[in-house]
């Protein structure tokens, strides 16, 4: 009787393996969607041009217009009797009638030059339109050389700056209203703090906060979790083996 049970278990196990192994082998060998062509096979060559014909050459970009044959250009590059065209006007980014009226004090940050001279800075900064500002009651005595108005987004004198006006700032004593225009590539949206900066002294002597500086704090980004993705063939192989083992255990438990 024991031998009969053992023979039944062996036959059932062999039958299970014979049934699951071909199915597992077929699923594991099935090509994945979008599989590349088999190695060693070259892609089909493109159609060759008809015999006796050459491929059409690519079009080269046309250079500047050449004068018509037989004509001589006028001396000086312009037609006699006509004046040369005026130089193009440089476009500006700022819009004069788009601005927020602002009036803030000009505060002094540095009082001495590198040579020991005393510097005085005072005045009131007013944005009068979208492309200009004025300094009312402007005083810049013993002015540092090579001084310009610079813009930044921080009250830190060592922060990054951009040139906001091409007009150099010289010495002023209680100037009623001194106007400065923005450079063509700058608007008031590009900076929040106006600095009176000397390139020779490498220092900020005066500062006006037009708007609250933008926060530069950045939050750390969380790293994306990694995951392991099993292929369909791997999952099928694991499932088939597990089912075979479970079946064998159940049969053995039932007979014994």
C-alpha atoms as a PDB file:
ATOM      1  CA  UNK A   1       0.000   0.000   0.000  1.00  0.00           C
ATOM      2  CA  UNK A   2       2.844   2.370   0.838  1.00  0.00           C
ATOM      3  CA  UNK A   3       4.450   1.650  -2.530  1.00  0.00           C
ATOM      4  CA  UNK A   4       1.195   2.431  -4.309  1.00  0.00           C
ATOM      5  CA  UNK A   5       0.931   5.795  -2.573  1.00  0.00           C
ATOM      6  CA  UNK A   6       4.529   6.612  -3.436  1.00  0.00           C
ATOM      7  CA  UNK A   7       3.972   5.693  -7.058  1.00  0.00           C
ATOM      8  CA  UNK A   8       0.893   7.942  -7.201  1.00  0.00           C
ATOM      9  CA  UNK A   9       2.854  10.867  -5.722  1.00  0.00           C
ATOM     10  CA  UNK A  10       5.695  10.416  -8.226  1.00  0.00           C
ATOM     11  CA  UNK A  11       3.290  10.117 -11.152  1.00  0.00           C
ATOM     12  CA  UNK A  12       1.399  13.245 -10.051  1.00  0.00           C
ATOM     13  CA  UNK A  13       4.640  15.207  -9.639  1.00  0.00           C
ATOM     14  CA  UNK A  14       5.929  14.107 -13.064  1.00  0.00           C
ATOM     15  CA  UNK A  15       2.586  15.019 -14.617  1.00  0.00           C
ATOM     16  CA  UNK A  16       2.653  18.467 -12.990  1.00  0.00           C
ATOM     17  CA  UNK A  17       6.193  19.151 -14.198  1.00  0.00           C
ATOM     18  CA  UNK A  18       5.399  17.969 -17.722  1.00  0.00           C
ATOM     19  CA  UNK A  19       2.347  20.247 -17.787  1.00  0.00           C
ATOM     20  CA  UNK A  20       3.950  23.424 -16.374  1.00  0.00           C
ATOM     21  CA  UNK A  21       7.436  23.234 -17.956  1.00  0.00           C
ATOM     22  CA  UNK A  22       6.348  23.647 -21.639  1.00  0.00           C
ATOM     23  CA  UNK A  23       4.000  26.525 -20.622  1.00  0.00           C
ATOM     24  CA  UNK A  24       6.770  28.216 -18.615  1.00  0.00           C
ATOM     25  CA  UNK A  25       9.304  27.769 -21.438  1.00  0.00           C
ATOM     26  CA  UNK A  26       6.891  29.212 -24.011  1.00  0.00           C
ATOM     27  CA  UNK A  27       6.082  32.301 -21.928  1.00  0.00           C
ATOM     28  CA  UNK A  28       9.727  32.970 -21.013  1.00  0.00           C
ATOM     29  CA  UNK A  29      10.837  32.799 -24.668  1.00  0.00           C
ATOM     30  CA  UNK A  30       8.073  35.084 -25.958  1.00  0.00           C
ATOM     31  CA  UNK A  31       9.632  38.308 -27.328  1.00  0.00           C
ATOM     32  CA  UNK A  32       8.859  41.481 -25.366  1.00  0.00           C
ATOM     33  CA  UNK A  33       6.777  44.137 -27.124  1.00  0.00           C
ATOM     34  CA  UNK A  34       8.862  46.503 -29.164  1.00  0.00           C
ATOM     35  CA  UNK A  35      11.859  44.114 -29.268  1.00  0.00           C
ATOM     36  CA  UNK A  36      14.774  45.178 -31.458  1.00  0.00           C
ATOM     37  CA  UNK A  37      15.589  43.156 -34.616  1.00  0.00           C
ATOM     38  CA  UNK A  38      17.811  40.115 -34.188  1.00  0.00           C
ATOM     39  CA  UNK A  39      21.561  40.868 -34.094  1.00  0.00           C
ATOM     40  CA  UNK A  40      23.322  40.516 -37.412  1.00  0.00           C
ATOM     41  CA  UNK A  41      20.452  41.801 -39.523  1.00  0.00           C
ATOM     42  CA  UNK A  42      20.981  45.189 -41.143  1.00  0.00           C
ATOM     43  CA  UNK A  43      18.123  47.636 -41.793  1.00  0.00           C
ATOM     44  CA  UNK A  44      16.767  47.740 -45.323  1.00  0.00           C
ATOM     45  CA  UNK A  45      18.825  50.193 -47.406  1.00  0.00           C
ATOM     46  CA  UNK A  46      17.126  53.276 -48.785  1.00  0.00           C
ATOM     47  CA  UNK A  47      16.080  53.378 -52.390  1.00  0.00           C
ATOM     48  CA  UNK A  48      19.005  54.186 -54.675  1.00  0.00           C
ATOM     49  CA  UNK A  49      18.662  56.850 -57.390  1.00  0.00           C
ATOM     50  CA  UNK A  50      17.791  55.710 -60.881  1.00  0.00           C
ATOM     51  CA  UNK A  51      20.799  54.735 -63.052  1.00  0.00           C
ATOM     52  CA  UNK A  52      22.386  57.696 -64.779  1.00  0.00           C
ATOM     53  CA  UNK A  53      20.951  60.266 -62.379  1.00  0.00           C
ATOM     54  CA  UNK A  54      22.800  61.980 -59.512  1.00  0.00           C
ATOM     55  CA  UNK A  55      21.099  62.876 -56.242  1.00  0.00           C
ATOM     56  CA  UNK A  56      19.814  66.432 -56.096  1.00  0.00           C
ATOM     57  CA  UNK A  57      22.316  68.721 -54.299  1.00  0.00           C
ATOM     58  CA  UNK A  58      21.148  70.516 -51.135  1.00  0.00           C
ATOM     59  CA  UNK A  59      20.142  74.127 -51.512  1.00  0.00           C
ATOM     60  CA  UNK A  60      22.798  76.513 -50.195  1.00  0.00           C
ATOM     61  CA  UNK A  61      21.620  79.680 -48.446  1.00  0.00           C
ATOM     62  CA  UNK A  62      21.534  82.623 -50.766  1.00  0.00           C
ATOM     63  CA  UNK A  63      24.267  85.146 -49.875  1.00  0.00           C
ATOM     64  CA  UNK A  64      23.595  88.884 -49.924  1.00  0.00           C
ATOM     65  CA  UNK A  65      22.087  90.168 -53.162  1.00  0.00           C
ATOM     66  CA  UNK A  66      24.730  90.795 -55.763  1.00  0.00           C
ATOM     67  CA  UNK A  67      24.314  93.733 -58.173  1.00  0.00           C
ATOM     68  CA  UNK A  68      22.880  92.936 -61.564  1.00  0.00           C
ATOM     69  CA  UNK A  69      25.497  92.165 -64.230  1.00  0.00           C
ATOM     70  CA  UNK A  70      26.728  95.264 -66.019  1.00  0.00           C
ATOM     71  CA  UNK A  71      25.935  97.744 -63.213  1.00  0.00           C
ATOM     72  CA  UNK A  72      28.517  99.576 -61.136  1.00  0.00           C
ATOM     73  CA  UNK A  73      27.673 100.475 -57.516  1.00  0.00           C
ATOM     74  CA  UNK A  74      27.646 104.159 -56.663  1.00  0.00           C
ATOM     75  CA  UNK A  75      30.737 105.459 -54.818  1.00  0.00           C
ATOM     76  CA  UNK A  76      30.377 105.571 -51.045  1.00  0.00           C
ATOM     77  CA  UNK A  77      27.676 102.865 -50.970  1.00  0.00           C
ATOM     78  CA  UNK A  78      24.707 105.242 -51.429  1.00  0.00           C
ATOM     79  CA  UNK A  79      22.882 106.464 -54.493  1.00  0.00           C
ATOM     80  CA  UNK A  80      24.002 109.982 -55.500  1.00  0.00           C
ATOM     81  CA  UNK A  81      21.614 112.608 -54.179  1.00  0.00           C
ATOM     82  CA  UNK A  82      20.319 110.495 -51.247  1.00  0.00           C
ATOM     83  CA  UNK A  83      21.399 110.760 -47.598  1.00  0.00           C
ATOM     84  CA  UNK A  84      22.568 107.753 -45.568  1.00  0.00           C
ATOM     85  CA  UNK A  85      19.910 106.116 -43.368  1.00  0.00           C
ATOM     86  CA  UNK A  86      20.091 107.078 -39.654  1.00  0.00           C
ATOM     87  CA  UNK A  87      21.315 104.396 -37.231  1.00  0.00           C
ATOM     88  CA  UNK A  88      18.538 102.202 -35.759  1.00  0.00           C
ATOM     89  CA  UNK A  89      17.149 103.238 -32.387  1.00  0.00           C
ATOM     90  CA  UNK A  90      17.965 100.688 -29.674  1.00  0.00           C
ATOM     91  CA  UNK A  91      14.835  99.040 -28.309  1.00  0.00           C
ATOM     92  CA  UNK A  92      14.238  99.124 -24.567  1.00  0.00           C
ATOM     93  CA  UNK A  93      12.523  96.570 -22.346  1.00  0.00           C
ATOM     94  CA  UNK A  94      11.007  99.082 -19.941  1.00  0.00           C
ATOM     95  CA  UNK A  95       7.637 100.753 -20.576  1.00  0.00           C
ATOM     96  CA  UNK A  96       7.510 104.360 -19.309  1.00  0.00           C
ATOM     97  CA  UNK A  97       3.833 104.377 -18.298  1.00  0.00           C
ATOM     98  CA  UNK A  98       3.965 100.985 -16.533  1.00  0.00           C
ATOM     99  CA  UNK A  99       5.446 101.407 -13.054  1.00  0.00           C
ATOM    100  CA  UNK A 100       4.677 101.518  -9.334  1.00  0.00           C
ATOM    101  CA  UNK A 101       5.351 104.964  -7.827  1.00  0.00           C
ATOM    102  CA  UNK A 102       7.948 104.473  -5.112  1.00  0.00           C
ATOM    103  CA  UNK A 103       9.826 106.861  -2.821  1.00  0.00           C
ATOM    104  CA  UNK A 104      12.396 105.456  -0.373  1.00  0.00           C
ATOM    105  CA  UNK A 105      15.395 106.922   1.499  1.00  0.00           C
ATOM    106  CA  UNK A 106      18.963 106.441   0.278  1.00  0.00           C
ATOM    107  CA  UNK A 107      20.941 105.047   3.211  1.00  0.00           C
ATOM    108  CA  UNK A 108      24.697 105.337   3.599  1.00  0.00           C
ATOM    109  CA  UNK A 109      26.551 102.027   4.089  1.00  0.00           C
ATOM    110  CA  UNK A 110      30.236 103.009   3.863  1.00  0.00           C
ATOM    111  CA  UNK A 111      31.760 106.267   5.135  1.00  0.00           C
ATOM    112  CA  UNK A 112      35.420 106.110   4.113  1.00  0.00           C
ATOM    113  CA  UNK A 113      37.497 105.498   1.013  1.00  0.00           C
ATOM    114  CA  UNK A 114      40.370 103.083   0.797  1.00  0.00           C
ATOM    115  CA  UNK A 115      42.732 106.072   0.990  1.00  0.00           C
ATOM    116  CA  UNK A 116      41.122 107.283   4.206  1.00  0.00           C
ATOM    117  CA  UNK A 117      38.930 110.067   2.787  1.00  0.00           C
ATOM    118  CA  UNK A 118      35.484 110.681   4.305  1.00  0.00           C
ATOM    119  CA  UNK A 119      32.382 110.051   2.140  1.00  0.00           C
ATOM    120  CA  UNK A 120      28.855 111.373   2.659  1.00  0.00           C
ATOM    121  CA  UNK A 121      25.777 109.866   0.958  1.00  0.00           C
ATOM    122  CA  UNK A 122      22.216 111.181   1.350  1.00  0.00           C
ATOM    123  CA  UNK A 123      19.010 111.657  -0.618  1.00  0.00           C
ATOM    124  CA  UNK A 124      15.654 110.146  -1.540  1.00  0.00           C
ATOM    125  CA  UNK A 125      15.078 107.740  -4.439  1.00  0.00           C
ATOM    126  CA  UNK A 126      11.854 108.133  -6.441  1.00  0.00           C
ATOM    127  CA  UNK A 127      10.688 105.989  -9.360  1.00  0.00           C
ATOM    128  CA  UNK A 128       9.153 108.567 -11.718  1.00  0.00           C
ATOM    129  CA  UNK A 129       8.246 106.223 -14.597  1.00  0.00           C
ATOM    130  CA  UNK A 130       8.938 102.721 -15.851  1.00  0.00           C
ATOM    131  CA  UNK A 131      12.333 103.692 -17.268  1.00  0.00           C
ATOM    132  CA  UNK A 132      13.852 106.241 -14.865  1.00  0.00           C
ATOM    133  CA  UNK A 133      14.346 107.286 -11.257  1.00  0.00           C
ATOM    134  CA  UNK A 134      15.500 110.459  -9.551  1.00  0.00           C
ATOM    135  CA  UNK A 135      17.567 111.194  -6.452  1.00  0.00           C
ATOM    136  CA  UNK A 136      16.123 114.193  -4.632  1.00  0.00           C
ATOM    137  CA  UNK A 137      18.443 116.132  -2.307  1.00  0.00           C
ATOM    138  CA  UNK A 138      21.280 113.988  -3.590  1.00  0.00           C
ATOM    139  CA  UNK A 139      24.626 114.311  -1.811  1.00  0.00           C
ATOM    140  CA  UNK A 140      27.665 112.220  -2.719  1.00  0.00           C
ATOM    141  CA  UNK A 141      30.630 114.172  -1.415  1.00  0.00           C
ATOM    142  CA  UNK A 142      34.205 112.922  -1.814  1.00  0.00           C
ATOM    143  CA  UNK A 143      32.631 110.484  -4.267  1.00  0.00           C
ATOM    144  CA  UNK A 144      34.445 107.245  -4.926  1.00  0.00           C
ATOM    145  CA  UNK A 145      35.709 106.997  -8.487  1.00  0.00           C
ATOM    146  CA  UNK A 146      34.041 104.826 -11.108  1.00  0.00           C
ATOM    147  CA  UNK A 147      30.694 104.743  -9.261  1.00  0.00           C
ATOM    148  CA  UNK A 148      27.469 103.469 -10.871  1.00  0.00           C
ATOM    149  CA  UNK A 149      23.947 102.514  -9.850  1.00  0.00           C
ATOM    150  CA  UNK A 150      23.674  98.749  -9.528  1.00  0.00           C
ATOM    151  CA  UNK A 151      20.687  96.504  -8.812  1.00  0.00           C
ATOM    152  CA  UNK A 152      20.424  93.383  -6.669  1.00  0.00           C
ATOM    153  CA  UNK A 153      17.837  91.225  -4.919  1.00  0.00           C
ATOM    154  CA  UNK A 154      19.470  91.311  -1.508  1.00  0.00           C
ATOM    155  CA  UNK A 155      20.524  93.954   1.012  1.00  0.00           C
ATOM    156  CA  UNK A 156      23.846  92.149   1.400  1.00  0.00           C
ATOM    157  CA  UNK A 157      26.529  94.470  -0.110  1.00  0.00           C
ATOM    158  CA  UNK A 158      28.416  91.404  -1.380  1.00  0.00           C
ATOM    159  CA  UNK A 159      25.453  89.925  -3.293  1.00  0.00           C
ATOM    160  CA  UNK A 160      25.389  89.608  -7.084  1.00  0.00           C
ATOM    161  CA  UNK A 161      24.583  92.847  -8.906  1.00  0.00           C
ATOM    162  CA  UNK A 162      23.585  94.069 -12.344  1.00  0.00           C
ATOM    163  CA  UNK A 163      24.239  97.471 -13.929  1.00  0.00           C
ATOM    164  CA  UNK A 164      20.954  99.391 -13.998  1.00  0.00           C
ATOM    165  CA  UNK A 165      22.151 102.749 -15.365  1.00  0.00           C
ATOM    166  CA  UNK A 166      24.956 103.566 -17.787  1.00  0.00           C
ATOM    167  CA  UNK A 167      25.397 107.083 -16.352  1.00  0.00           C
ATOM    168  CA  UNK A 168      28.432 107.362 -14.054  1.00  0.00           C
ATOM    169  CA  UNK A 169      27.751 108.914 -10.650  1.00  0.00           C
ATOM    170  CA  UNK A 170      30.054 111.785  -9.771  1.00  0.00           C
ATOM    171  CA  UNK A 171      30.156 114.181  -6.864  1.00  0.00           C
ATOM    172  CA  UNK A 172      26.896 115.906  -5.866  1.00  0.00           C
ATOM    173  CA  UNK A 173      26.119 118.305  -3.047  1.00  0.00           C
ATOM    174  CA  UNK A 174      22.402 118.597  -2.163  1.00  0.00           C
ATOM    175  CA  UNK A 175      21.301 118.183  -5.782  1.00  0.00           C
ATOM    176  CA  UNK A 176      17.549 119.042  -5.998  1.00  0.00           C
ATOM    177  CA  UNK A 177      16.644 116.236  -8.416  1.00  0.00           C
ATOM    178  CA  UNK A 178      19.094 114.156 -10.425  1.00  0.00           C
ATOM    179  CA  UNK A 179      17.555 111.858 -13.059  1.00  0.00           C
ATOM    180  CA  UNK A 180      19.006 108.483 -14.048  1.00  0.00           C
ATOM    181  CA  UNK A 181      17.653 106.308 -16.888  1.00  0.00           C
ATOM    182  CA  UNK A 182      17.643 102.516 -16.856  1.00  0.00           C
ATOM    183  CA  UNK A 183      19.811 100.643 -19.336  1.00  0.00           C
ATOM    184  CA  UNK A 184      17.871  99.310 -22.374  1.00  0.00           C
ATOM    185  CA  UNK A 185      18.020  95.697 -21.162  1.00  0.00           C
ATOM    186  CA  UNK A 186      16.785  96.364 -17.588  1.00  0.00           C
ATOM    187  CA  UNK A 187      13.389  96.965 -15.980  1.00  0.00           C
ATOM    188  CA  UNK A 188      12.456  97.641 -12.345  1.00  0.00           C
ATOM    189  CA  UNK A 189      11.180  94.053 -12.150  1.00  0.00           C
ATOM    190  CA  UNK A 190      14.773  92.808 -12.431  1.00  0.00           C
ATOM    191  CA  UNK A 191      15.926  94.110  -9.040  1.00  0.00           C
ATOM    192  CA  UNK A 192      14.578  95.116  -5.636  1.00  0.00           C
ATOM    193  CA  UNK A 193      17.549  96.934  -4.109  1.00  0.00           C
ATOM    194  CA  UNK A 194      19.400  99.919  -5.623  1.00  0.00           C
ATOM    195  CA  UNK A 195      23.114 100.142  -4.735  1.00  0.00           C
ATOM    196  CA  UNK A 196      25.554 103.023  -5.236  1.00  0.00           C
ATOM    197  CA  UNK A 197      28.606 100.936  -6.095  1.00  0.00           C
ATOM    198  CA  UNK A 198      32.218 101.909  -6.820  1.00  0.00           C
ATOM    199  CA  UNK A 199      34.114  99.535  -9.096  1.00  0.00           C
ATOM    200  CA  UNK A 200      37.432 101.014  -8.006  1.00  0.00           C
ATOM    201  CA  UNK A 201      36.693 100.678  -4.285  1.00  0.00           C
ATOM    202  CA  UNK A 202      34.700  97.432  -4.783  1.00  0.00           C
ATOM    203  CA  UNK A 203      32.225  98.676  -2.197  1.00  0.00           C
ATOM    204  CA  UNK A 204      28.603  99.847  -1.818  1.00  0.00           C
ATOM    205  CA  UNK A 205      28.436 103.388  -0.397  1.00  0.00           C
ATOM    206  CA  UNK A 206      24.649 103.905  -0.538  1.00  0.00           C
ATOM    207  CA  UNK A 207      21.590 101.666  -0.744  1.00  0.00           C
ATOM    208  CA  UNK A 208      17.840 102.099  -1.301  1.00  0.00           C
ATOM    209  CA  UNK A 209      15.390  99.216  -0.794  1.00  0.00           C
ATOM    210  CA  UNK A 210      12.705  99.674  -3.472  1.00  0.00           C
ATOM    211  CA  UNK A 211      10.794  96.505  -2.535  1.00  0.00           C
ATOM    212  CA  UNK A 212      11.209  93.748  -0.006  1.00  0.00           C
ATOM    213  CA  UNK A 213      13.999  91.506  -1.336  1.00  0.00           C
ATOM    214  CA  UNK A 214      12.928  88.128  -2.651  1.00  0.00           C
ATOM    215  CA  UNK A 215      13.626  85.148  -0.427  1.00  0.00           C
ATOM    216  CA  UNK A 216      16.472  82.983  -1.703  1.00  0.00           C
ATOM    217  CA  UNK A 217      15.735  80.079   0.647  1.00  0.00           C
ATOM    218  CA  UNK A 218      15.360  76.766  -1.173  1.00  0.00           C
ATOM    219  CA  UNK A 219      13.797  73.625   0.209  1.00  0.00           C
ATOM    220  CA  UNK A 220      15.715  70.346  -0.194  1.00  0.00           C
ATOM    221  CA  UNK A 221      14.146  68.123  -2.779  1.00  0.00           C
ATOM    222  CA  UNK A 222      13.195  64.607  -1.747  1.00  0.00           C
ATOM    223  CA  UNK A 223      14.866  61.891  -3.776  1.00  0.00           C
ATOM    224  CA  UNK A 224      12.566  59.689  -5.784  1.00  0.00           C
ATOM    225  CA  UNK A 225      12.207  56.155  -4.400  1.00  0.00           C
ATOM    226  CA  UNK A 226      13.658  53.371  -6.466  1.00  0.00           C
ATOM    227  CA  UNK A 227      11.742  50.249  -7.368  1.00  0.00           C
ATOM    228  CA  UNK A 228      12.559  46.927  -8.940  1.00  0.00           C
ATOM    229  CA  UNK A 229      10.346  45.895 -11.837  1.00  0.00           C
ATOM    230  CA  UNK A 230      10.287  42.247 -12.807  1.00  0.00           C
ATOM    231  CA  UNK A 231       9.635  41.223 -16.377  1.00  0.00           C
ATOM    232  CA  UNK A 232       6.599  39.165 -17.359  1.00  0.00           C
ATOM    233  CA  UNK A 233       8.724  36.094 -18.137  1.00  0.00           C
ATOM    234  CA  UNK A 234      10.379  36.234 -14.691  1.00  0.00           C
ATOM    235  CA  UNK A 235       7.046  36.554 -12.909  1.00  0.00           C
ATOM    236  CA  UNK A 236       5.579  33.601 -14.867  1.00  0.00           C
ATOM    237  CA  UNK A 237       8.578  31.418 -14.072  1.00  0.00           C
ATOM    238  CA  UNK A 238       8.392  32.161 -10.349  1.00  0.00           C
ATOM    239  CA  UNK A 239       4.630  31.621 -10.203  1.00  0.00           C
ATOM    240  CA  UNK A 240       4.846  28.264 -12.009  1.00  0.00           C
ATOM    241  CA  UNK A 241       7.571  26.914  -9.710  1.00  0.00           C
ATOM    242  CA  UNK A 242       5.688  28.032  -6.596  1.00  0.00           C
ATOM    243  CA  UNK A 243       2.459  26.393  -7.769  1.00  0.00           C
ATOM    244  CA  UNK A 244       4.303  23.111  -8.468  1.00  0.00           C
ATOM    245  CA  UNK A 245       5.844  23.064  -4.993  1.00  0.00           C
ATOM    246  CA  UNK A 246       2.526  23.882  -3.321  1.00  0.00           C
ATOM    247  CA  UNK A 247       0.755  21.109  -5.277  1.00  0.00           C
ATOM    248  CA  UNK A 248       3.417  18.555  -4.332  1.00  0.00           C
ATOM    249  CA  UNK A 249       3.188  19.491  -0.627  1.00  0.00           C
ATOM    250  CA  UNK A 250      -0.613  19.238  -0.606  1.00  0.00           C
ATOM    251  CA  UNK A 251      -0.599  15.804  -2.290  1.00  0.00           C
ATOM    252  CA  UNK A 252       2.051  14.492   0.093  1.00  0.00           C
ATOM    253  CA  UNK A 253       0.108  15.780   3.089  1.00  0.00           C
ATOM    254  CA  UNK A 254      -3.148  14.220   1.821  1.00  0.00           C
ATOM    255  CA  UNK A 255      -1.678  10.712   1.358  1.00  0.00           C
ATOM    256  CA  UNK A 256       0.401  10.655   4.538  1.00  0.00           C
END
